[in-house]
C-alpha atoms as a PDB file:
ATOM      1  CA  MET A   1      60.227 -18.649  -2.939  1.00  0.00           C
ATOM      2  CA  ARG A   2      59.967 -15.084  -3.001  1.00  0.00           C
ATOM      3  CA  TYR A   3      62.028 -12.760  -4.679  1.00  0.00           C
ATOM      4  CA  SER A   4      62.573  -9.148  -3.689  1.00  0.00           C
ATOM      5  CA  CYS A   5      63.532  -7.565  -7.458  1.00  0.00           C
ATOM      6  CA  ILE A   6      60.023  -7.834  -8.751  1.00  0.00           C
ATOM      7  CA  LEU A   7      57.919  -5.223 -10.309  1.00  0.00           C
ATOM      8  CA  ALA A   8      59.036  -2.150 -12.334  1.00  0.00           C
ATOM      9  CA  LEU A   9      55.894  -1.617 -13.998  1.00  0.00           C
ATOM     10  CA  VAL A  10      52.162  -3.365 -14.204  1.00  0.00           C
ATOM     11  CA  ILE A  11      49.893  -2.761 -16.917  1.00  0.00           C
ATOM     12  CA  LEU A  12      46.759  -4.243 -17.122  1.00  0.00           C
ATOM     13  CA  LEU A  13      45.053  -5.494 -20.363  1.00  0.00           C
ATOM     14  CA  ALA A  14      41.916  -7.846 -20.997  1.00  0.00           C
ATOM     15  CA  VAL A  15      42.417  -9.898 -23.930  1.00  0.00           C
ATOM     16  CA  ALA A  16      40.863 -12.540 -26.039  1.00  0.00           C
ATOM     17  CA  THR A  17      43.476 -14.783 -26.822  1.00  0.00           C
ATOM     18  CA  SER A  18      42.769 -18.257 -28.812  1.00  0.00           C
ATOM     19  CA  ALA A  19      42.606 -20.632 -25.205  1.00  0.00           C
ATOM     20  CA  ALA A  20      39.874 -18.270 -23.588  1.00  0.00           C
ATOM     21  CA  ALA A  21      39.527 -14.795 -22.278  1.00  0.00           C
ATOM     22  CA  LEU A  22      42.289 -14.061 -19.810  1.00  0.00           C
ATOM     23  CA  ASP A  23      43.804 -10.888 -18.039  1.00  0.00           C
ATOM     24  CA  THR A  24      47.343 -10.168 -18.748  1.00  0.00           C
ATOM     25  CA  GLN A  25      49.641  -7.913 -16.540  1.00  0.00           C
ATOM     26  CA  ALA A  26      52.991  -6.966 -18.031  1.00  0.00           C
ATOM     27  CA  PHE A  27      55.475  -7.158 -15.376  1.00  0.00           C
ATOM     28  CA  GLN A  28      59.393  -7.160 -14.931  1.00  0.00           C
ATOM     29  CA  LEU A  29      60.976  -9.263 -13.619  1.00  0.00           C
ATOM     30  CA  ASN A  30      64.723 -10.031 -13.069  1.00  0.00           C
ATOM     31  CA  GLU A  31      66.130 -13.748 -14.204  1.00  0.00           C
ATOM     32  CA  ASP A  32      67.220 -15.617 -11.068  1.00  0.00           C
ATOM     33  CA  PHE A  33      70.413 -15.387 -11.306  1.00  0.00           C
ATOM     34  CA  GLY A  34      72.653 -17.893  -8.902  1.00  0.00           C
ATOM     35  CA  SER A  35      69.653 -19.477  -7.215  1.00  0.00           C
ATOM     36  CA  GLU A  36      69.403 -22.955  -9.076  1.00  0.00           C
ATOM     37  CA  PRO A  37      69.918 -25.918  -8.721  1.00  0.00           C
ATOM     38  CA  LEU A  38      72.809 -28.047  -9.293  1.00  0.00           C
ATOM     39  CA  TYR A  39      72.073 -29.835 -12.641  1.00  0.00           C
ATOM     40  CA  ASP A  40      74.016 -30.957 -15.724  1.00  0.00           C
ATOM     41  CA  THR A  41      71.715 -28.896 -18.715  1.00  0.00           C
ATOM     42  CA  ALA A  42      68.599 -27.309 -18.839  1.00  0.00           C
ATOM     43  CA  LEU A  43      65.731 -26.121 -21.862  1.00  0.00           C
ATOM     44  CA  GLN A  44      63.779 -23.119 -22.094  1.00  0.00           C
ATOM     45  CA  TYR A  45      61.859 -21.570 -25.111  1.00  0.00           C
ATOM     46  CA  TYR A  46      60.897 -18.323 -23.719  1.00  0.00           C
ATOM     47  CA  TYR A  47      62.743 -15.215 -24.344  1.00  0.00           C
ATOM     48  CA  TYR A  48      64.904 -13.153 -21.764  1.00  0.00           C
ATOM     49  CA  ILE A  49      65.125 -10.006 -22.872  1.00  0.00           C
ATOM     50  CA  PRO A  50      67.323  -7.929 -20.788  1.00  0.00           C
ATOM     51  CA  CYS A  51      66.539  -3.897 -20.944  1.00  0.00           C
ATOM     52  CA  PRO A  52      68.961  -3.436 -20.032  1.00  0.00           C
ATOM     53  CA  THR A  53      69.030  -6.116 -17.024  1.00  0.00           C
ATOM     54  CA  TYR A  54      65.041  -7.140 -16.420  1.00  0.00           C
ATOM     55  CA  SER A  55      63.226  -8.792 -18.363  1.00  0.00           C
ATOM     56  CA  TRP A  56      59.518  -8.407 -19.383  1.00  0.00           C
ATOM     57  CA  PHE A  57      56.644 -11.056 -18.829  1.00  0.00           C
ATOM     58  CA  TRP A  58      53.409 -11.105 -19.170  1.00  0.00           C
ATOM     59  CA  GLY A  59      51.231 -12.946 -16.382  1.00  0.00           C
ATOM     60  CA  PHE A  60      47.598 -14.495 -17.723  1.00  0.00           C
ATOM     61  CA  SER A  61      45.067 -15.719 -15.462  1.00  0.00           C
ATOM     62  CA  GLY A  62      41.640 -16.413 -15.634  1.00  0.00           C
ATOM     63  CA  TRP A  63      41.466 -19.780 -15.928  1.00  0.00           C
ATOM     64  CA  ASP A  64      38.554 -22.076 -14.734  1.00  0.00           C
ATOM     65  CA  ALA A  65      38.912 -25.028 -12.726  1.00  0.00           C
ATOM     66  CA  GLY A  66      40.126 -28.143 -14.620  1.00  0.00           C
ATOM     67  CA  ASP A  67      42.005 -26.364 -17.102  1.00  0.00           C
ATOM     68  CA  ILE A  68      45.072 -27.651 -18.812  1.00  0.00           C
ATOM     69  CA  VAL A  69      47.993 -25.772 -19.589  1.00  0.00           C
ATOM     70  CA  GLY A  70      51.592 -27.472 -20.851  1.00  0.00           C
ATOM     71  CA  GLU A  71      54.601 -27.301 -23.034  1.00  0.00           C
ATOM     72  CA  TRP A  72      56.403 -29.576 -24.721  1.00  0.00           C
ATOM     73  CA  PHE A  73      60.130 -30.006 -25.146  1.00  0.00           C
ATOM     74  CA  GLN A  74      62.896 -32.083 -27.272  1.00  0.00           C
ATOM     75  CA  VAL A  75      66.002 -33.070 -25.533  1.00  0.00           C
ATOM     76  CA  GLY A  76      68.896 -32.143 -28.575  1.00  0.00           C
ATOM     77  CA  ASP A  77      67.301 -28.646 -28.986  1.00  0.00           C
ATOM     78  CA  MET A  78      69.268 -25.424 -28.728  1.00  0.00           C
ATOM     79  CA  SER A  79      67.979 -23.990 -25.549  1.00  0.00           C
ATOM     80  CA  THR A  80      67.227 -20.025 -25.882  1.00  0.00           C
ATOM     81  CA  GLY A  81      69.165 -19.890 -22.442  1.00  0.00           C
ATOM     82  CA  TYR A  82      72.688 -20.226 -21.379  1.00  0.00           C
ATOM     83  CA  TRP A  83      73.008 -23.716 -22.523  1.00  0.00           C
ATOM     84  CA  PRO A  84      74.415 -25.754 -25.984  1.00  0.00           C
ATOM     85  CA  PRO A  85      72.134 -28.399 -26.643  1.00  0.00           C
ATOM     86  CA  ALA A  86      71.748 -31.360 -24.531  1.00  0.00           C
ATOM     87  CA  ASP A  87      72.849 -35.105 -25.919  1.00  0.00           C
ATOM     88  CA  PRO A  88      70.003 -36.341 -26.971  1.00  0.00           C
ATOM     89  CA  LEU A  89      71.707 -39.848 -25.999  1.00  0.00           C
ATOM     90  CA  MET A  90      72.660 -39.021 -22.222  1.00  0.00           C
ATOM     91  CA  CYS A  91      70.550 -36.414 -20.955  1.00  0.00           C
ATOM     92  CA  ARG A  92      67.496 -38.495 -20.383  1.00  0.00           C
ATOM     93  CA  GLU A  93      66.590 -38.094 -16.423  1.00  0.00           C
ATOM     94  CA  LEU A  94      64.147 -35.309 -16.391  1.00  0.00           C
ATOM     95  CA  GLU A  95      65.247 -33.737 -12.258  1.00  0.00           C
ATOM     96  CA  TRP A  96      63.242 -30.381 -11.960  1.00  0.00           C
ATOM     97  CA  ILE A  97      61.150 -28.062 -13.579  1.00  0.00           C
ATOM     98  CA  ARG A  98      60.920 -24.582 -13.065  1.00  0.00           C
ATOM     99  CA  VAL A  99      57.741 -22.138 -13.664  1.00  0.00           C
ATOM    100  CA  LEU A 100      56.635 -19.128 -13.144  1.00  0.00           C
ATOM    101  CA  ASP A 101      53.954 -17.205 -11.607  1.00  0.00           C
ATOM    102  CA  PHE A 102      52.984 -13.530 -11.158  1.00  0.00           C
ATOM    103  CA  SER A 103      50.296 -14.164  -8.415  1.00  0.00           C
ATOM    104  CA  GLY A 104      51.215 -16.032  -5.523  1.00  0.00           C
ATOM    105  CA  TYR A 105      47.453 -16.629  -4.572  1.00  0.00           C
ATOM    106  CA  GLY A 106      48.266 -20.638  -4.428  1.00  0.00           C
ATOM    107  CA  VAL A 107      50.639 -20.058  -1.375  1.00  0.00           C
ATOM    108  CA  ALA A 108      48.259 -17.205   0.269  1.00  0.00           C
ATOM    109  CA  TYR A 109      45.308 -19.556  -0.230  1.00  0.00           C
ATOM    110  CA  PRO A 110      45.484 -23.078  -0.370  1.00  0.00           C
ATOM    111  CA  GLY A 111      43.374 -25.354  -2.288  1.00  0.00           C
ATOM    112  CA  LEU A 112      41.741 -22.284  -4.345  1.00  0.00           C
ATOM    113  CA  PHE A 113      44.838 -22.261  -6.976  1.00  0.00           C
ATOM    114  CA  THR A 114      46.185 -25.765  -6.854  1.00  0.00           C
ATOM    115  CA  ILE A 115      47.632 -27.075  -9.576  1.00  0.00           C
ATOM    116  CA  GLU A 116      49.076 -30.506 -10.297  1.00  0.00           C
ATOM    117  CA  PHE A 117      52.089 -30.689 -13.121  1.00  0.00           C
ATOM    118  CA  ASP A 118      52.226 -34.205 -15.005  1.00  0.00           C
ATOM    119  CA  VAL A 119      55.285 -35.361 -17.871  1.00  0.00           C
ATOM    120  CA  TYR A 120      53.614 -37.174 -20.678  1.00  0.00           C
ATOM    121  CA  CYS A 121      56.062 -38.358 -23.783  1.00  0.00           C
ATOM    122  CA  CYS A 122      54.558 -36.329 -26.564  1.00  0.00           C
ATOM    123  CA  ASP A 123      54.499 -36.207 -30.339  1.00  0.00           C
ATOM    124  CA  GLU A 124      55.409 -33.622 -32.862  1.00  0.00           C
ATOM    125  CA  HIS A 125      52.224 -31.496 -31.834  1.00  0.00           C
ATOM    126  CA  GLY A 126      53.066 -31.611 -28.321  1.00  0.00           C
ATOM    127  CA  CYS A 127      50.062 -34.258 -27.812  1.00  0.00           C
ATOM    128  CA  PRO A 128      50.261 -36.947 -24.933  1.00  0.00           C
ATOM    129  CA  ILE A 129      51.427 -40.469 -25.805  1.00  0.00           C
ATOM    130  CA  GLY A 130      50.266 -42.689 -23.434  1.00  0.00           C
ATOM    131  CA  PRO A 131      49.325 -42.413 -19.677  1.00  0.00           C
ATOM    132  CA  SER A 132      51.124 -40.031 -17.352  1.00  0.00           C
ATOM    133  CA  LEU A 133      54.690 -40.852 -16.332  1.00  0.00           C
ATOM    134  CA  TRP A 134      54.900 -38.848 -13.171  1.00  0.00           C
ATOM    135  CA  ASN A 135      51.917 -36.498 -11.501  1.00  0.00           C
ATOM    136  CA  SER A 136      53.334 -34.029  -8.844  1.00  0.00           C
ATOM    137  CA  GLY A 137      50.398 -33.970  -6.829  1.00  0.00           C
ATOM    138  CA  PRO A 138      48.892 -30.986  -5.352  1.00  0.00           C
ATOM    139  CA  GLU A 139      50.914 -27.777  -5.604  1.00  0.00           C
ATOM    140  CA  GLU A 140      50.760 -24.246  -4.593  1.00  0.00           C
ATOM    141  CA  THR A 141      53.080 -21.828  -6.100  1.00  0.00           C
ATOM    142  CA  ASP A 142      54.415 -18.841  -4.911  1.00  0.00           C
ATOM    143  CA  PHE A 143      55.127 -15.330  -6.781  1.00  0.00           C
ATOM    144  CA  GLY A 144      58.053 -14.962  -8.666  1.00  0.00           C
ATOM    145  CA  TRP A 145      60.177 -18.501  -9.921  1.00  0.00           C
ATOM    146  CA  ASN A 146      58.893 -21.826  -8.334  1.00  0.00           C
ATOM    147  CA  TYR A 147      60.907 -24.860  -9.034  1.00  0.00           C
ATOM    148  CA  PHE A 148      59.162 -28.173  -8.241  1.00  0.00           C
ATOM    149  CA  GLY A 149      61.911 -31.252  -7.886  1.00  0.00           C
ATOM    150  CA  VAL A 150      61.130 -34.539  -9.340  1.00  0.00           C
ATOM    151  CA  ASN A 151      61.314 -37.285  -7.467  1.00  0.00           C
ATOM    152  CA  PRO A 152      62.446 -39.696  -7.369  1.00  0.00           C
ATOM    153  CA  LEU A 153      64.309 -38.583 -10.973  1.00  0.00           C
ATOM    154  CA  LEU A 154      61.960 -39.683 -14.254  1.00  0.00           C
ATOM    155  CA  ASP A 155      64.119 -41.268 -17.069  1.00  0.00           C
ATOM    156  CA  ILE A 156      62.438 -39.711 -20.264  1.00  0.00           C
ATOM    157  CA  GLY A 157      64.756 -41.851 -22.003  1.00  0.00           C
ATOM    158  CA  ASP A 158      61.807 -43.852 -23.959  1.00  0.00           C
ATOM    159  CA  CYS A 159      60.202 -40.736 -25.049  1.00  0.00           C
ATOM    160  CA  ALA A 160      62.272 -40.479 -27.956  1.00  0.00           C
ATOM    161  CA  GLY A 161      60.998 -39.186 -30.948  1.00  0.00           C
ATOM    162  CA  SER A 162      62.920 -41.478 -33.350  1.00  0.00           C
ATOM    163  CA  PRO A 163      66.304 -43.383 -32.872  1.00  0.00           C
ATOM    164  CA  GLY A 164      68.733 -41.225 -31.778  1.00  0.00           C
ATOM    165  CA  SER A 165      66.962 -38.422 -31.177  1.00  0.00           C
ATOM    166  CA  GLY A 166      66.268 -37.268 -27.448  1.00  0.00           C
ATOM    167  CA  ALA A 167      63.097 -37.415 -25.660  1.00  0.00           C
ATOM    168  CA  ARG A 168      60.326 -35.039 -26.544  1.00  0.00           C
ATOM    169  CA  VAL A 169      57.889 -34.847 -23.293  1.00  0.00           C
ATOM    170  CA  LEU A 170      54.721 -32.396 -22.360  1.00  0.00           C
ATOM    171  CA  ILE A 171      54.830 -31.109 -19.181  1.00  0.00           C
ATOM    172  CA  THR A 172      51.324 -29.695 -18.258  1.00  0.00           C
ATOM    173  CA  ALA A 173      49.782 -28.344 -15.117  1.00  0.00           C
ATOM    174  CA  THR A 174      46.109 -29.015 -14.309  1.00  0.00           C
ATOM    175  CA  HIS A 175      44.231 -26.389 -12.086  1.00  0.00           C
ATOM    176  CA  THR A 176      42.531 -28.361  -9.578  1.00  0.00           C
ATOM    177  CA  GLY A 177      42.006 -26.066  -6.794  1.00  0.00           C
ATOM    178  CA  SER A 178      38.483 -24.978  -6.550  1.00  0.00           C
ATOM    179  CA  GLU A 179      38.205 -21.406  -8.287  1.00  0.00           C
ATOM    180  CA  GLY A 180      41.525 -21.808 -10.954  1.00  0.00           C
ATOM    181  CA  PHE A 181      41.389 -18.174 -11.982  1.00  0.00           C
ATOM    182  CA  TYR A 182      45.381 -18.290 -10.897  1.00  0.00           C
ATOM    183  CA  PRO A 183      48.181 -18.986 -11.438  1.00  0.00           C
ATOM    184  CA  ALA A 184      49.191 -15.752 -13.612  1.00  0.00           C
ATOM    185  CA  TRP A 185      51.333 -17.866 -15.384  1.00  0.00           C
ATOM    186  CA  GLY A 186      54.566 -16.074 -16.448  1.00  0.00           C
ATOM    187  CA  MET A 187      55.267 -15.558 -20.508  1.00  0.00           C
ATOM    188  CA  ASP A 188      57.762 -13.865 -22.169  1.00  0.00           C
ATOM    189  CA  ASN A 189      56.421 -10.080 -23.757  1.00  0.00           C
ATOM    190  CA  VAL A 190      57.984  -9.319 -26.556  1.00  0.00           C
ATOM    191  CA  SER A 191      55.695  -6.217 -27.546  1.00  0.00           C
ATOM    192  CA  THR A 192      56.143  -4.242 -24.385  1.00  0.00           C
ATOM    193  CA  ALA A 193      59.893  -5.003 -24.549  1.00  0.00           C
ATOM    194  CA  ILE A 194      59.182  -2.978 -28.035  1.00  0.00           C
ATOM    195  CA  GLN A 195      57.624   0.119 -26.692  1.00  0.00           C
ATOM    196  CA  ALA A 196      60.456   0.398 -23.836  1.00  0.00           C
ATOM    197  CA  GLY A 197      63.045   0.471 -26.628  1.00  0.00           C
ATOM    198  CA  CYS A 198      64.861  -2.891 -25.499  1.00  0.00           C
ATOM    199  CA  VAL A 199      67.322  -4.671 -27.903  1.00  0.00           C
ATOM    200  CA  MET A 200      65.928  -7.629 -29.231  1.00  0.00           C
ATOM    201  CA  HIS A 201      67.781 -10.256 -28.248  1.00  0.00           C
ATOM    202  CA  ASP A 202      68.060 -13.333 -25.839  1.00  0.00           C
ATOM    203  CA  ILE A 203      70.130 -13.913 -22.899  1.00  0.00           C
ATOM    204  CA  GLY A 204      72.774 -16.524 -24.671  1.00  0.00           C
ATOM    205  CA  CYS A 205      72.984 -17.850 -27.798  1.00  0.00           C
ATOM    206  CA  LEU A 206      69.871 -17.141 -29.875  1.00  0.00           C
ATOM    207  CA  PRO A 207      68.529 -13.785 -30.561  1.00  0.00           C
ATOM    208  CA  ALA A 208      65.069 -12.917 -30.590  1.00  0.00           C
ATOM    209  CA  LEU A 209      63.400 -13.431 -33.369  1.00  0.00           C
ATOM    210  CA  TYR A 210      59.365 -12.264 -33.892  1.00  0.00           C
ATOM    211  CA  PRO A 211      56.945 -13.273 -34.743  1.00  0.00           C
ATOM    212  CA  ARG A 212      56.552 -16.639 -33.787  1.00  0.00           C
ATOM    213  CA  PRO A 213      56.103 -19.298 -35.590  1.00  0.00           C
ATOM    214  CA  TYR A 214      56.501 -17.151 -38.565  1.00  0.00           C
ATOM    215  CA  SER A 215      60.002 -15.959 -37.906  1.00  0.00           C
ATOM    216  CA  SER A 216      61.228 -18.380 -34.854  1.00  0.00           C
ATOM    217  CA  HIS A 217      63.915 -20.746 -34.196  1.00  0.00           C
ATOM    218  CA  TYR A 218      61.831 -23.600 -34.488  1.00  0.00           C
ATOM    219  CA  ALA A 219      58.626 -24.911 -36.454  1.00  0.00           C
ATOM    220  CA  SER A 220      56.227 -24.514 -34.047  1.00  0.00           C
ATOM    221  CA  VAL A 221      55.081 -22.758 -30.674  1.00  0.00           C
ATOM    222  CA  ARG A 222      56.047 -24.931 -27.576  1.00  0.00           C
ATOM    223  CA  SER A 223      53.482 -23.766 -25.035  1.00  0.00           C
ATOM    224  CA  GLY A 224      49.621 -24.129 -25.311  1.00  0.00           C
ATOM    225  CA  TYR A 225      45.959 -24.445 -23.730  1.00  0.00           C
ATOM    226  CA  TYR A 226      44.584 -27.606 -23.927  1.00  0.00           C
ATOM    227  CA  GLY A 227      41.177 -27.058 -22.084  1.00  0.00           C
ATOM    228  CA  LYS A 228      40.105 -29.665 -20.044  1.00  0.00           C
ATOM    229  CA  GLU A 229      40.967 -33.416 -20.330  1.00  0.00           C
ATOM    230  CA  PHE A 230      42.688 -32.451 -23.476  1.00  0.00           C
ATOM    231  CA  GLN A 231      39.951 -31.166 -25.753  1.00  0.00           C
ATOM    232  CA  TYR A 232      42.085 -29.032 -27.670  1.00  0.00           C
ATOM    233  CA  CYS A 233      45.327 -31.030 -29.243  1.00  0.00           C
ATOM    234  CA  PRO A 234      47.093 -29.545 -30.507  1.00  0.00           C
ATOM    235  CA  PRO A 235      47.150 -26.869 -28.072  1.00  0.00           C
ATOM    236  CA  ARG A 236      45.495 -23.440 -28.612  1.00  0.00           C
ATOM    237  CA  TRP A 237      48.525 -21.147 -28.463  1.00  0.00           C
ATOM    238  CA  PHE A 238      49.215 -18.009 -26.901  1.00  0.00           C
ATOM    239  CA  ARG A 239      49.055 -14.387 -28.496  1.00  0.00           C
ATOM    240  CA  ASP A 240      51.006 -11.812 -26.845  1.00  0.00           C
ATOM    241  CA  GLY A 241      49.097  -9.703 -24.650  1.00  0.00           C
ATOM    242  CA  ARG A 242      48.732  -6.564 -27.461  1.00  0.00           C
ATOM    243  CA  ASP A 243      48.547  -8.646 -30.019  1.00  0.00           C
ATOM    244  CA  SER A 244      45.343  -7.465 -32.040  1.00  0.00           C
ATOM    245  CA  THR A 245      45.221  -9.401 -35.023  1.00  0.00           C
ATOM    246  CA  SER A 246      43.360 -13.157 -35.543  1.00  0.00           C
ATOM    247  CA  ASP A 247      46.591 -15.127 -36.289  1.00  0.00           C
ATOM    248  CA  GLY A 248      49.505 -13.665 -33.943  1.00  0.00           C
ATOM    249  CA  THR A 249      50.744 -12.112 -37.255  1.00  0.00           C
ATOM    250  CA  GLN A 250      51.787  -8.728 -35.688  1.00  0.00           C
ATOM    251  CA  PHE A 251      53.640  -9.822 -32.511  1.00  0.00           C
ATOM    252  CA  GLY A 252      53.394 -13.449 -32.381  1.00  0.00           C
ATOM    253  CA  PHE A 253      52.661 -15.582 -29.838  1.00  0.00           C
ATOM    254  CA  VAL A 254      54.354 -16.739 -26.225  1.00  0.00           C
ATOM    255  CA  GLU A 255      56.160 -18.940 -24.584  1.00  0.00           C
ATOM    256  CA  LEU A 256      55.391 -19.927 -21.042  1.00  0.00           C
ATOM    257  CA  CYS A 257      58.158 -18.991 -18.926  1.00  0.00           C
ATOM    258  CA  TRP A 258      58.856 -22.841 -18.360  1.00  0.00           C
ATOM    259  CA  ARG A 259      62.051 -24.749 -17.792  1.00  0.00           C
ATOM    260  CA  LEU A 260      63.254 -28.351 -17.430  1.00  0.00           C
ATOM    261  CA  TYR A 261      66.469 -29.302 -15.196  1.00  0.00           C
ATOM    262  CA  VAL A 262      68.164 -32.663 -16.858  1.00  0.00           C
ATOM    263  CA  ILE A 263      71.024 -34.579 -15.867  1.00  0.00           C
ATOM    264  CA  TYR A 264      73.136 -37.471 -17.249  1.00  0.00           C
ATOM    265  CA  GLN A 265      71.764 -40.571 -17.001  1.00  0.00           C
ATOM    266  CA  TRP A 266      74.560 -42.983 -14.687  1.00  0.00           C
ATOM    267  CA  ARG A 267      77.024 -44.125 -17.342  1.00  0.00           C
ATOM    268  CA  GLY A 268      79.118 -46.691 -14.960  1.00  0.00           C
ATOM    269  CA  ALA A 269      82.056 -46.749 -13.068  1.00  0.00           C
ATOM    270  CA  ASN A 270      84.458 -46.624 -15.996  1.00  0.00           C
ATOM    271  CA  GLN A 271      83.239 -43.219 -17.500  1.00  0.00           C
ATOM    272  CA  PRO A 272      83.214 -39.777 -16.203  1.00  0.00           C
ATOM    273  CA  SER A 273      79.568 -37.934 -14.870  1.00  0.00           C
ATOM    274  CA  THR A 274      78.935 -34.974 -13.059  1.00  0.00           C
ATOM    275  CA  TRP A 275      78.146 -33.762  -9.275  1.00  0.00           C
ATOM    276  CA  SER A 276      74.619 -34.324 -10.485  1.00  0.00           C
ATOM    277  CA  SER A 277      75.185 -37.501 -10.904  1.00  0.00           C
ATOM    278  CA  ILE A 278      76.825 -38.649  -8.013  1.00  0.00           C
ATOM    279  CA  LYS A 279      74.217 -36.381  -6.317  1.00  0.00           C
ATOM    280  CA  SER A 280      71.559 -38.418  -8.227  1.00  0.00           C
ATOM    281  CA  MET A 281      72.595 -42.148  -6.387  1.00  0.00           C
ATOM    282  CA  TYR A 282      72.050 -40.362  -2.836  1.00  0.00           C
ATOM    283  CA  ARG A 283      68.850 -38.964  -2.927  1.00  0.00           C
END
């Protein structure tokens, strides 16, 4: 998908992250309000910091073919978006994955910057448990917010971390294109927001606490670089593009701007259902 409300400012920096020497650019972009698919609940960990309506993001590029980036999610966590915690027992079917790309060259040059998504059960460190549950096949990303449907719907209920807890899954993107340099993966951006004088809060329930993970709603950072064939696990986190410290104590580590859309599993004729549940029956 391509959206017209894009850049207000681009700042090109070269920064060494804990993953690799990557290129970073700062972008200001609006959320895709009103264009989302139908869903029951959603989960994200990145910050959207309106300043006043657009938020700052980083675009990270400079990957090699074969590199894996990923983010893990726990159904039942408080999301940084608009949604209350998903019911860990009922929310168990993955429907959509949304990602942010600031290059858009995948569509312009098919085969060079191709990626493939995978879904794994994972442990509390974001390391996969067992084989991939679902593979997207080759995908090309466009500039802005990209939606990838999980078809057929994927039941992730068996990925529960402990009895009674919600599913815990790792979503990865492997750079399977011949070049691999892009996408310029969108990540949240605290430092530019601070420089711009933004009020530091996430639009929704949770305030923006930084630096991660030293001040955080969660015990660890969820996004990381896994190398090739999971040579790093736990993954290496991504520092904010302006963080000059070796341990991320200045601005902290950033999260991929990825979101999961989950629907309630069909519960039978005698129990209430949502439109997403009904819709899934007729796919």
